[in-house]
PDB file of N, CA and C in Angstrom:
ATOM      1  N   MET A   1     121.585 -54.776  49.552  1.00  0.00           N
ATOM      2  CA  MET A   1     121.947 -55.375  48.286  1.00  0.00           C
ATOM      3  C   MET A   1     122.254 -56.856  48.492  1.00  0.00           C
ATOM      4  N   TYR A   2     121.609 -57.698  47.703  1.00  0.00           N
ATOM      5  CA  TYR A   2     121.830 -59.134  47.789  1.00  0.00           C
ATOM      6  C   TYR A   2     123.171 -59.498  47.157  1.00  0.00           C
ATOM      7  N   LYS A   3     123.922 -60.334  47.843  1.00  0.00           N
ATOM      8  CA  LYS A   3     125.191 -60.835  47.323  1.00  0.00           C
ATOM      9  C   LYS A   3     125.152 -62.355  47.308  1.00  0.00           C
ATOM     10  N   LYS A   4     125.609 -62.948  46.217  1.00  0.00           N
ATOM     11  CA  LYS A   4     125.762 -64.393  46.159  1.00  0.00           C
ATOM     12  C   LYS A   4     126.911 -64.806  47.065  1.00  0.00           C
ATOM     13  N   THR A   5     126.824 -66.030  47.586  1.00  0.00           N
ATOM     14  CA  THR A   5     127.833 -66.538  48.510  1.00  0.00           C
ATOM     15  C   THR A   5     128.928 -67.288  47.775  1.00  0.00           C
ATOM     16  N   LEU A   6     130.174 -66.987  48.153  1.00  0.00           N
ATOM     17  CA  LEU A   6     131.336 -67.752  47.698  1.00  0.00           C
ATOM     18  C   LEU A   6     131.942 -68.422  48.914  1.00  0.00           C
ATOM     19  N   MET A   7     132.200 -69.716  48.817  1.00  0.00           N
ATOM     20  CA  MET A   7     132.915 -70.422  49.870  1.00  0.00           C
ATOM     21  C   MET A   7     134.371 -70.532  49.423  1.00  0.00           C
ATOM     22  N   ILE A   8     135.286 -70.121  50.298  1.00  0.00           N
ATOM     23  CA  ILE A   8     136.704 -70.100  49.962  1.00  0.00           C
ATOM     24  C   ILE A   8     137.457 -70.971  50.956  1.00  0.00           C
ATOM     25  N   ASP A   9     138.218 -71.933  50.431  1.00  0.00           N
ATOM     26  CA  ASP A   9     139.016 -72.833  51.258  1.00  0.00           C
ATOM     27  C   ASP A   9     140.222 -72.096  51.821  1.00  0.00           C
ATOM     28  N   LEU A  10     140.679 -72.528  52.983  1.00  0.00           N
ATOM     29  CA  LEU A  10     141.830 -71.912  53.633  1.00  0.00           C
ATOM     30  C   LEU A  10     143.149 -72.502  53.135  1.00  0.00           C
ATOM     31  N   ASP A  11     143.394 -73.779  53.432  1.00  0.00           N
ATOM     32  CA  ASP A  11     144.678 -74.402  53.085  1.00  0.00           C
ATOM     33  C   ASP A  11     144.856 -74.550  51.584  1.00  0.00           C
ATOM     34  N   GLY A  12     145.966 -74.038  51.088  1.00  0.00           N
ATOM     35  CA  GLY A  12     146.285 -74.155  49.673  1.00  0.00           C
ATOM     36  C   GLY A  12     145.662 -73.088  48.796  1.00  0.00           C
ATOM     37  N   VAL A  13     144.792 -72.266  49.373  1.00  0.00           N
ATOM     38  CA  VAL A  13     144.179 -71.166  48.632  1.00  0.00           C
ATOM     39  C   VAL A  13     144.623 -69.843  49.259  1.00  0.00           C
ATOM     40  N   LEU A  14     144.248 -69.628  50.500  1.00  0.00           N
ATOM     41  CA  LEU A  14     144.583 -68.364  51.158  1.00  0.00           C
ATOM     42  C   LEU A  14     145.951 -68.387  51.831  1.00  0.00           C
ATOM     43  N   ASN A  15     146.469 -69.572  52.071  1.00  0.00           N
ATOM     44  CA  ASN A  15     147.776 -69.656  52.722  1.00  0.00           C
ATOM     45  C   ASN A  15     148.777 -70.424  51.852  1.00  0.00           C
ATOM     46  N   THR A  16     149.985 -70.545  52.354  1.00  0.00           N
ATOM     47  CA  THR A  16     151.069 -71.158  51.575  1.00  0.00           C
ATOM     48  C   THR A  16     151.188 -72.659  51.819  1.00  0.00           C
ATOM     49  N   TYR A  17     150.143 -73.277  52.312  1.00  0.00           N
ATOM     50  CA  TYR A  17     150.108 -74.718  52.568  1.00  0.00           C
ATOM     51  C   TYR A  17     150.484 -75.489  51.300  1.00  0.00           C
ATOM     52  N   LYS A  18     151.386 -76.476  51.474  1.00  0.00           N
ATOM     53  CA  LYS A  18     151.798 -77.308  50.344  1.00  0.00           C
ATOM     54  C   LYS A  18     151.845 -78.776  50.736  1.00  0.00           C
ATOM     55  N   GLY A  19     150.861 -79.204  51.509  1.00  0.00           N
ATOM     56  CA  GLY A  19     150.717 -80.616  51.799  1.00  0.00           C
ATOM     57  C   GLY A  19     151.294 -81.107  53.110  1.00  0.00           C
ATOM     58  N   LEU A  20     151.969 -80.275  53.857  1.00  0.00           N
ATOM     59  CA  LEU A  20     152.536 -80.694  55.142  1.00  0.00           C
ATOM     60  C   LEU A  20     151.620 -80.245  56.270  1.00  0.00           C
ATOM     61  N   TYR A  21     150.590 -81.033  56.533  1.00  0.00           N
ATOM     62  CA  TYR A  21     149.569 -80.676  57.520  1.00  0.00           C
ATOM     63  C   TYR A  21     150.110 -80.785  58.939  1.00  0.00           C
ATOM     64  N   LYS A  22     149.891 -79.739  59.715  1.00  0.00           N
ATOM     65  CA  LYS A  22     150.189 -79.729  61.142  1.00  0.00           C
ATOM     66  C   LYS A  22     148.925 -79.262  61.845  1.00  0.00           C
ATOM     67  N   GLU A  23     148.444 -80.066  62.770  1.00  0.00           N
ATOM     68  CA  GLU A  23     147.150 -79.819  63.403  1.00  0.00           C
ATOM     69  C   GLU A  23     147.024 -78.446  64.042  1.00  0.00           C
ATOM     70  N   ASN A  24     148.046 -77.973  64.704  1.00  0.00           N
ATOM     71  CA  ASN A  24     147.948 -76.707  65.431  1.00  0.00           C
ATOM     72  C   ASN A  24     148.719 -75.568  64.783  1.00  0.00           C
ATOM     73  N   HIS A  25     149.034 -75.708  63.522  1.00  0.00           N
ATOM     74  CA  HIS A  25     149.770 -74.666  62.803  1.00  0.00           C
ATOM     75  C   HIS A  25     149.138 -74.452  61.433  1.00  0.00           C
ATOM     76  N   ILE A  26     148.888 -73.197  61.101  1.00  0.00           N
ATOM     77  CA  ILE A  26     148.393 -72.851  59.766  1.00  0.00           C
ATOM     78  C   ILE A  26     149.495 -72.059  59.082  1.00  0.00           C
ATOM     79  N   SER A  27     149.819 -72.444  57.864  1.00  0.00           N
ATOM     80  CA  SER A  27     150.879 -71.796  57.089  1.00  0.00           C
ATOM     81  C   SER A  27     150.604 -70.306  56.908  1.00  0.00           C
ATOM     82  N   PRO A  28     151.646 -69.532  56.597  1.00  0.00           N
ATOM     83  CA  PRO A  28     151.476 -68.081  56.407  1.00  0.00           C
ATOM     84  C   PRO A  28     150.506 -67.734  55.272  1.00  0.00           C
ATOM     85  N   VAL A  29     149.970 -66.544  55.357  1.00  0.00           N
ATOM     86  CA  VAL A  29     149.040 -66.053  54.339  1.00  0.00           C
ATOM     87  C   VAL A  29     149.773 -65.925  52.995  1.00  0.00           C
ATOM     88  N   ARG A  30     149.076 -66.247  51.931  1.00  0.00           N
ATOM     89  CA  ARG A  30     149.638 -66.150  50.581  1.00  0.00           C
ATOM     90  C   ARG A  30     149.652 -64.684  50.140  1.00  0.00           C
ATOM     91  N   GLU A  31     150.708 -64.289  49.496  1.00  0.00           N
ATOM     92  CA  GLU A  31     150.819 -62.927  48.974  1.00  0.00           C
ATOM     93  C   GLU A  31     149.657 -62.653  48.021  1.00  0.00           C
ATOM     94  N   GLY A  32     149.006 -61.541  48.215  1.00  0.00           N
ATOM     95  CA  GLY A  32     147.885 -61.144  47.358  1.00  0.00           C
ATOM     96  C   GLY A  32     146.530 -61.599  47.865  1.00  0.00           C
ATOM     97  N   ALA A  33     146.502 -62.409  48.934  1.00  0.00           N
ATOM     98  CA  ALA A  33     145.226 -62.929  49.434  1.00  0.00           C
ATOM     99  C   ALA A  33     144.298 -61.808  49.904  1.00  0.00           C
ATOM    100  N   ALA A  34     144.824 -60.839  50.633  1.00  0.00           N
ATOM    101  CA  ALA A  34     143.978 -59.748  51.143  1.00  0.00           C
ATOM    102  C   ALA A  34     143.367 -58.951  49.997  1.00  0.00           C
ATOM    103  N   GLU A  35     144.150 -58.667  48.981  1.00  0.00           N
ATOM    104  CA  GLU A  35     143.656 -57.918  47.824  1.00  0.00           C
ATOM    105  C   GLU A  35     142.605 -58.723  47.055  1.00  0.00           C
ATOM    106  N   PHE A  36     142.823 -60.024  46.958  1.00  0.00           N
ATOM    107  CA  PHE A  36     141.881 -60.932  46.311  1.00  0.00           C
ATOM    108  C   PHE A  36     140.540 -60.905  47.053  1.00  0.00           C
ATOM    109  N   LEU A  37     140.598 -61.031  48.371  1.00  0.00           N
ATOM    110  CA  LEU A  37     139.374 -61.021  49.182  1.00  0.00           C
ATOM    111  C   LEU A  37     138.668 -59.674  49.121  1.00  0.00           C
ATOM    112  N   GLU A  38     139.436 -58.612  49.142  1.00  0.00           N
ATOM    113  CA  GLU A  38     138.847 -57.274  49.049  1.00  0.00           C
ATOM    114  C   GLU A  38     138.095 -57.113  47.731  1.00  0.00           C
ATOM    115  N   ALA A  39     138.695 -57.577  46.637  1.00  0.00           N
ATOM    116  CA  ALA A  39     138.048 -57.482  45.323  1.00  0.00           C
ATOM    117  C   ALA A  39     136.753 -58.290  45.281  1.00  0.00           C
ATOM    118  N   LEU A  40     136.757 -59.476  45.880  1.00  0.00           N
ATOM    119  CA  LEU A  40     135.566 -60.323  45.879  1.00  0.00           C
ATOM    120  C   LEU A  40     134.477 -59.793  46.808  1.00  0.00           C
ATOM    121  N   SER A  41     134.877 -59.209  47.918  1.00  0.00           N
ATOM    122  CA  SER A  41     133.914 -58.824  48.949  1.00  0.00           C
ATOM    123  C   SER A  41     132.936 -57.738  48.499  1.00  0.00           C
ATOM    124  N   GLY A  42     133.293 -57.001  47.488  1.00  0.00           N
ATOM    125  CA  GLY A  42     132.369 -56.008  46.962  1.00  0.00           C
ATOM    126  C   GLY A  42     131.177 -56.616  46.250  1.00  0.00           C
ATOM    127  N   ARG A  43     131.367 -57.788  45.681  1.00  0.00           N
ATOM    128  CA  ARG A  43     130.307 -58.443  44.891  1.00  0.00           C
ATOM    129  C   ARG A  43     129.699 -59.669  45.557  1.00  0.00           C
ATOM    130  N   PHE A  44     130.442 -60.283  46.496  1.00  0.00           N
ATOM    131  CA  PHE A  44     130.012 -61.559  47.059  1.00  0.00           C
ATOM    132  C   PHE A  44     130.069 -61.553  48.581  1.00  0.00           C
ATOM    133  N   LEU A  45     129.251 -62.414  49.183  1.00  0.00           N
ATOM    134  CA  LEU A  45     129.324 -62.702  50.601  1.00  0.00           C
ATOM    135  C   LEU A  45     130.329 -63.842  50.747  1.00  0.00           C
ATOM    136  N   LEU A  46     131.388 -63.631  51.492  1.00  0.00           N
ATOM    137  CA  LEU A  46     132.464 -64.620  51.581  1.00  0.00           C
ATOM    138  C   LEU A  46     132.351 -65.451  52.850  1.00  0.00           C
ATOM    139  N   VAL A  47     132.480 -66.767  52.665  1.00  0.00           N
ATOM    140  CA  VAL A  47     132.459 -67.714  53.773  1.00  0.00           C
ATOM    141  C   VAL A  47     133.759 -68.502  53.716  1.00  0.00           C
ATOM    142  N   LEU A  48     134.484 -68.547  54.826  1.00  0.00           N
ATOM    143  CA  LEU A  48     135.705 -69.338  54.898  1.00  0.00           C
ATOM    144  C   LEU A  48     135.312 -70.782  55.152  1.00  0.00           C
ATOM    145  N   PHE A  49     135.790 -71.677  54.304  1.00  0.00           N
ATOM    146  CA  PHE A  49     135.470 -73.097  54.368  1.00  0.00           C
ATOM    147  C   PHE A  49     136.760 -73.841  54.684  1.00  0.00           C
ATOM    148  N   THR A  50     136.773 -74.571  55.806  1.00  0.00           N
ATOM    149  CA  THR A  50     137.987 -75.271  56.202  1.00  0.00           C
ATOM    150  C   THR A  50     137.666 -76.521  57.005  1.00  0.00           C
ATOM    151  N   SER A  51     138.533 -77.508  56.901  1.00  0.00           N
ATOM    152  CA  SER A  51     138.394 -78.707  57.729  1.00  0.00           C
ATOM    153  C   SER A  51     139.167 -78.531  59.040  1.00  0.00           C
ATOM    154  N   ARG A  52     139.844 -77.425  59.188  1.00  0.00           N
ATOM    155  CA  ARG A  52     140.612 -77.132  60.400  1.00  0.00           C
ATOM    156  C   ARG A  52     139.692 -76.757  61.563  1.00  0.00           C
ATOM    157  N   ASP A  53     140.273 -76.732  62.749  1.00  0.00           N
ATOM    158  CA  ASP A  53     139.560 -76.266  63.925  1.00  0.00           C
ATOM    159  C   ASP A  53     139.081 -74.829  63.667  1.00  0.00           C
ATOM    160  N   ILE A  54     137.813 -74.575  63.877  1.00  0.00           N
ATOM    161  CA  ILE A  54     137.217 -73.273  63.579  1.00  0.00           C
ATOM    162  C   ILE A  54     137.885 -72.155  64.393  1.00  0.00           C
ATOM    163  N   ASN A  55     138.166 -72.414  65.658  1.00  0.00           N
ATOM    164  CA  ASN A  55     138.795 -71.384  66.495  1.00  0.00           C
ATOM    165  C   ASN A  55     140.208 -71.056  66.027  1.00  0.00           C
ATOM    166  N   LEU A  56     140.952 -72.058  65.595  1.00  0.00           N
ATOM    167  CA  LEU A  56     142.294 -71.826  65.062  1.00  0.00           C
ATOM    168  C   LEU A  56     142.215 -71.013  63.770  1.00  0.00           C
ATOM    169  N   ALA A  57     141.271 -71.349  62.903  1.00  0.00           N
ATOM    170  CA  ALA A  57     141.088 -70.607  61.647  1.00  0.00           C
ATOM    171  C   ALA A  57     140.672 -69.164  61.927  1.00  0.00           C
ATOM    172  N   LYS A  58     139.790 -68.975  62.905  1.00  0.00           N
ATOM    173  CA  LYS A  58     139.352 -67.627  63.266  1.00  0.00           C
ATOM    174  C   LYS A  58     140.538 -66.791  63.742  1.00  0.00           C
ATOM    175  N   LYS A  59     141.358 -67.365  64.598  1.00  0.00           N
ATOM    176  CA  LYS A  59     142.545 -66.667  65.091  1.00  0.00           C
ATOM    177  C   LYS A  59     143.474 -66.310  63.932  1.00  0.00           C
ATOM    178  N   TRP A  60     143.634 -67.242  62.980  1.00  0.00           N
ATOM    179  CA  TRP A  60     144.527 -67.033  61.841  1.00  0.00           C
ATOM    180  C   TRP A  60     144.051 -65.872  60.969  1.00  0.00           C
ATOM    181  N   ILE A  61     142.754 -65.826  60.639  1.00  0.00           N
ATOM    182  CA  ILE A  61     142.275 -64.729  59.782  1.00  0.00           C
ATOM    183  C   ILE A  61     142.329 -63.391  60.505  1.00  0.00           C
ATOM    184  N   GLU A  62     142.157 -63.419  61.821  1.00  0.00           N
ATOM    185  CA  GLU A  62     142.280 -62.177  62.596  1.00  0.00           C
ATOM    186  C   GLU A  62     143.736 -61.694  62.605  1.00  0.00           C
ATOM    187  N   GLU A  63     144.680 -62.614  62.809  1.00  0.00           N
ATOM    188  CA  GLU A  63     146.102 -62.258  62.832  1.00  0.00           C
ATOM    189  C   GLU A  63     146.583 -61.705  61.492  1.00  0.00           C
ATOM    190  N   HIS A  64     145.946 -62.133  60.408  1.00  0.00           N
ATOM    191  CA  HIS A  64     146.357 -61.693  59.075  1.00  0.00           C
ATOM    192  C   HIS A  64     145.462 -60.580  58.527  1.00  0.00           C
ATOM    193  N   ASN A  65     144.649 -59.998  59.399  1.00  0.00           N
ATOM    194  CA  ASN A  65     143.811 -58.848  59.056  1.00  0.00           C
ATOM    195  C   ASN A  65     142.880 -59.083  57.870  1.00  0.00           C
ATOM    196  N   ILE A  66     142.342 -60.293  57.777  1.00  0.00           N
ATOM    197  CA  ILE A  66     141.402 -60.587  56.693  1.00  0.00           C
ATOM    198  C   ILE A  66     140.039 -61.044  57.219  1.00  0.00           C
ATOM    199  N   ALA A  67     139.860 -61.031  58.537  1.00  0.00           N
ATOM    200  CA  ALA A  67     138.585 -61.458  59.123  1.00  0.00           C
ATOM    201  C   ALA A  67     137.426 -60.593  58.640  1.00  0.00           C
ATOM    202  N   LYS A  68     137.702 -59.322  58.370  1.00  0.00           N
ATOM    203  CA  LYS A  68     136.648 -58.386  57.961  1.00  0.00           C
ATOM    204  C   LYS A  68     135.965 -58.785  56.651  1.00  0.00           C
ATOM    205  N   TYR A  69     136.603 -59.636  55.867  1.00  0.00           N
ATOM    206  CA  TYR A  69     136.040 -60.029  54.582  1.00  0.00           C
ATOM    207  C   TYR A  69     135.069 -61.211  54.681  1.00  0.00           C
ATOM    208  N   PHE A  70     135.080 -61.915  55.804  1.00  0.00           N
ATOM    209  CA  PHE A  70     134.275 -63.128  55.928  1.00  0.00           C
ATOM    210  C   PHE A  70     133.051 -62.923  56.797  1.00  0.00           C
ATOM    211  N   SER A  71     131.923 -63.455  56.327  1.00  0.00           N
ATOM    212  CA  SER A  71     130.699 -63.402  57.113  1.00  0.00           C
ATOM    213  C   SER A  71     130.695 -64.508  58.157  1.00  0.00           C
ATOM    214  N   LYS A  72     131.439 -65.596  57.894  1.00  0.00           N
ATOM    215  CA  LYS A  72     131.510 -66.702  58.847  1.00  0.00           C
ATOM    216  C   LYS A  72     132.586 -67.687  58.429  1.00  0.00           C
ATOM    217  N   ILE A  73     132.847 -68.638  59.321  1.00  0.00           N
ATOM    218  CA  ILE A  73     133.770 -69.738  59.072  1.00  0.00           C
ATOM    219  C   ILE A  73     132.984 -71.019  59.307  1.00  0.00           C
ATOM    220  N   THR A  74     133.158 -71.992  58.418  1.00  0.00           N
ATOM    221  CA  THR A  74     132.436 -73.248  58.571  1.00  0.00           C
ATOM    222  C   THR A  74     133.265 -74.409  58.033  1.00  0.00           C
ATOM    223  N   ASN A  75     132.898 -75.608  58.467  1.00  0.00           N
ATOM    224  CA  ASN A  75     133.462 -76.826  57.901  1.00  0.00           C
ATOM    225  C   ASN A  75     132.358 -77.653  57.240  1.00  0.00           C
ATOM    226  N   ILE A  76     131.240 -76.997  57.001  1.00  0.00           N
ATOM    227  CA  ILE A  76     130.078 -77.643  56.389  1.00  0.00           C
ATOM    228  C   ILE A  76     129.806 -77.001  55.033  1.00  0.00           C
ATOM    229  N   LYS A  77     129.628 -77.832  54.021  1.00  0.00           N
ATOM    230  CA  LYS A  77     129.280 -77.300  52.701  1.00  0.00           C
ATOM    231  C   LYS A  77     127.885 -76.687  52.787  1.00  0.00           C
ATOM    232  N   GLU A  78     127.803 -75.436  52.414  1.00  0.00           N
ATOM    233  CA  GLU A  78     126.541 -74.706  52.485  1.00  0.00           C
ATOM    234  C   GLU A  78     126.128 -74.269  51.090  1.00  0.00           C
ATOM    235  N   PRO A  79     124.855 -73.903  50.918  1.00  0.00           N
ATOM    236  CA  PRO A  79     124.445 -73.392  49.613  1.00  0.00           C
ATOM    237  C   PRO A  79     125.304 -72.191  49.227  1.00  0.00           C
ATOM    238  N   SER A  80     125.856 -72.234  48.039  1.00  0.00           N
ATOM    239  CA  SER A  80     126.703 -71.137  47.580  1.00  0.00           C
ATOM    240  C   SER A  80     126.724 -71.099  46.066  1.00  0.00           C
ATOM    241  N   TYR A  81     127.103 -69.959  45.542  1.00  0.00           N
ATOM    242  CA  TYR A  81     127.224 -69.767  44.100  1.00  0.00           C
ATOM    243  C   TYR A  81     128.422 -70.543  43.565  1.00  0.00           C
ATOM    244  N   LEU A  82     129.549 -70.423  44.251  1.00  0.00           N
ATOM    245  CA  LEU A  82     130.779 -71.111  43.855  1.00  0.00           C
ATOM    246  C   LEU A  82     131.593 -71.465  45.077  1.00  0.00           C
ATOM    247  N   MET A  83     132.487 -72.437  44.887  1.00  0.00           N
ATOM    248  CA  MET A  83     133.482 -72.776  45.896  1.00  0.00           C
ATOM    249  C   MET A  83     134.857 -72.611  45.254  1.00  0.00           C
ATOM    250  N   ILE A  84     135.772 -72.017  45.998  1.00  0.00           N
ATOM    251  CA  ILE A  84     137.146 -71.873  45.531  1.00  0.00           C
ATOM    252  C   ILE A  84     138.000 -72.789  46.402  1.00  0.00           C
ATOM    253  N   ASP A  85     138.601 -73.794  45.792  1.00  0.00           N
ATOM    254  CA  ASP A  85     139.343 -74.804  46.534  1.00  0.00           C
ATOM    255  C   ASP A  85     140.498 -75.307  45.677  1.00  0.00           C
ATOM    256  N   ASP A  86     141.572 -75.717  46.307  1.00  0.00           N
ATOM    257  CA  ASP A  86     142.717 -76.243  45.574  1.00  0.00           C
ATOM    258  C   ASP A  86     142.589 -77.738  45.308  1.00  0.00           C
ATOM    259  N   ARG A  87     141.633 -78.383  45.914  1.00  0.00           N
ATOM    260  CA  ARG A  87     141.452 -79.824  45.743  1.00  0.00           C
ATOM    261  C   ARG A  87     140.022 -80.122  45.310  1.00  0.00           C
ATOM    262  N   CYS A  88     139.755 -79.895  44.035  1.00  0.00           N
ATOM    263  CA  CYS A  88     138.416 -80.180  43.540  1.00  0.00           C
ATOM    264  C   CYS A  88     138.481 -80.542  42.058  1.00  0.00           C
ATOM    265  N   VAL A  89     137.467 -81.233  41.631  1.00  0.00           N
ATOM    266  CA  VAL A  89     137.281 -81.571  40.224  1.00  0.00           C
ATOM    267  C   VAL A  89     135.899 -81.073  39.853  1.00  0.00           C
ATOM    268  N   ARG A  90     135.818 -80.379  38.757  1.00  0.00           N
ATOM    269  CA  ARG A  90     134.537 -79.825  38.317  1.00  0.00           C
ATOM    270  C   ARG A  90     133.760 -80.886  37.537  1.00  0.00           C
ATOM    271  N   PHE A  91     132.518 -81.118  37.935  1.00  0.00           N
ATOM    272  CA  PHE A  91     131.660 -82.040  37.202  1.00  0.00           C
ATOM    273  C   PHE A  91     131.114 -81.322  35.983  1.00  0.00           C
ATOM    274  N   ASN A  92     131.344 -81.883  34.810  1.00  0.00           N
ATOM    275  CA  ASN A  92     130.925 -81.244  33.558  1.00  0.00           C
ATOM    276  C   ASN A  92     129.797 -81.994  32.856  1.00  0.00           C
ATOM    277  N   GLY A  93     129.162 -82.916  33.563  1.00  0.00           N
ATOM    278  CA  GLY A  93     128.067 -83.676  32.973  1.00  0.00           C
ATOM    279  C   GLY A  93     128.492 -85.010  32.383  1.00  0.00           C
ATOM    280  N   ASP A  94     129.778 -85.287  32.360  1.00  0.00           N
ATOM    281  CA  ASP A  94     130.310 -86.508  31.755  1.00  0.00           C
ATOM    282  C   ASP A  94     131.097 -87.281  32.808  1.00  0.00           C
ATOM    283  N   PHE A  95     130.513 -88.372  33.314  1.00  0.00           N
ATOM    284  CA  PHE A  95     131.181 -89.159  34.345  1.00  0.00           C
ATOM    285  C   PHE A  95     132.528 -89.713  33.884  1.00  0.00           C
ATOM    286  N   GLY A  96     132.616 -90.120  32.634  1.00  0.00           N
ATOM    287  CA  GLY A  96     133.878 -90.640  32.111  1.00  0.00           C
ATOM    288  C   GLY A  96     134.981 -89.598  32.150  1.00  0.00           C
ATOM    289  N   ALA A  97     134.658 -88.382  31.776  1.00  0.00           N
ATOM    290  CA  ALA A  97     135.647 -87.299  31.807  1.00  0.00           C
ATOM    291  C   ALA A  97     136.055 -86.987  33.239  1.00  0.00           C
ATOM    292  N   VAL A  98     135.108 -87.058  34.161  1.00  0.00           N
ATOM    293  CA  VAL A  98     135.429 -86.796  35.557  1.00  0.00           C
ATOM    294  C   VAL A  98     136.334 -87.893  36.111  1.00  0.00           C
ATOM    295  N   LEU A  99     136.079 -89.141  35.734  1.00  0.00           N
ATOM    296  CA  LEU A  99     136.971 -90.228  36.157  1.00  0.00           C
ATOM    297  C   LEU A  99     138.403 -89.977  35.677  1.00  0.00           C
ATOM    298  N   GLU A 100     138.550 -89.499  34.459  1.00  0.00           N
ATOM    299  CA  GLU A 100     139.881 -89.165  33.928  1.00  0.00           C
ATOM    300  C   GLU A 100     140.502 -88.001  34.696  1.00  0.00           C
ATOM    301  N   ASP A 101     139.687 -86.998  34.991  1.00  0.00           N
ATOM    302  CA  ASP A 101     140.177 -85.849  35.756  1.00  0.00           C
ATOM    303  C   ASP A 101     140.672 -86.283  37.134  1.00  0.00           C
ATOM    304  N   ILE A 102     139.937 -87.201  37.761  1.00  0.00           N
ATOM    305  CA  ILE A 102     140.342 -87.713  39.074  1.00  0.00           C
ATOM    306  C   ILE A 102     141.643 -88.504  38.950  1.00  0.00           C
ATOM    307  N   LYS A 103     141.725 -89.337  37.941  1.00  0.00           N
ATOM    308  CA  LYS A 103     142.934 -90.151  37.716  1.00  0.00           C
ATOM    309  C   LYS A 103     144.168 -89.265  37.524  1.00  0.00           C
ATOM    310  N   ASN A 104     144.012 -88.156  36.834  1.00  0.00           N
ATOM    311  CA  ASN A 104     145.136 -87.282  36.486  1.00  0.00           C
ATOM    312  C   ASN A 104     145.296 -86.079  37.414  1.00  0.00           C
ATOM    313  N   PHE A 105     144.516 -86.023  38.478  1.00  0.00           N
ATOM    314  CA  PHE A 105     144.517 -84.840  39.345  1.00  0.00           C
ATOM    315  C   PHE A 105     145.841 -84.646  40.070  1.00  0.00           C
ATOM    316  N   LYS A 106     146.290 -83.402  40.090  1.00  0.00           N
ATOM    317  CA  LYS A 106     147.435 -82.982  40.895  1.00  0.00           C
ATOM    318  C   LYS A 106     147.081 -81.619  41.475  1.00  0.00           C
ATOM    319  N   VAL A 107     147.363 -81.428  42.763  1.00  0.00           N
ATOM    320  CA  VAL A 107     147.149 -80.109  43.325  1.00  0.00           C
ATOM    321  C   VAL A 107     148.113 -79.144  42.648  1.00  0.00           C
ATOM    322  N   TRP A 108     147.745 -77.881  42.599  1.00  0.00           N
ATOM    323  CA  TRP A 108     148.498 -76.882  41.839  1.00  0.00           C
ATOM    324  C   TRP A 108     149.970 -76.820  42.231  1.00  0.00           C
ATOM    325  N   TYR A 109     150.285 -77.044  43.491  1.00  0.00           N
ATOM    326  CA  TYR A 109     151.673 -76.908  43.926  1.00  0.00           C
ATOM    327  C   TYR A 109     152.525 -78.140  43.613  1.00  0.00           C
ATOM    328  N   LYS A 110     151.925 -79.170  43.001  1.00  0.00           N
ATOM    329  CA  LYS A 110     152.694 -80.337  42.571  1.00  0.00           C
ATOM    330  C   LYS A 110     152.837 -80.401  41.065  1.00  0.00           C
ATOM    331  N   ASN A 111     152.341 -79.402  40.372  1.00  0.00           N
ATOM    332  CA  ASN A 111     152.464 -79.349  38.899  1.00  0.00           C
ATOM    333  C   ASN A 111     153.807 -78.795  38.482  1.00  0.00           C
TER     334      ASN A 111
END
């Protein structure tokens, strides 16, 4: 069965990261993340997308028992149906509106 690919960001989505980046530490898993991934994995091929060290991210998903949901980990944007990220602005066809969205952007944990 063919599944569309979803790329899911690590920091600020799957974990409790709130802007305090530490190179060798990944914040704890967010409550409900495993259930969220389980629900998605039935319909989509999941790819973990992170700017972190791939080996550190791999260790983190294994420690939190969610590695089984991901087909791979990458730091490269790949062809996908959707991306789930805490730091993005959706392009709606109107550059002016996107400029406003960028000007007013706040990550969810600063709202």
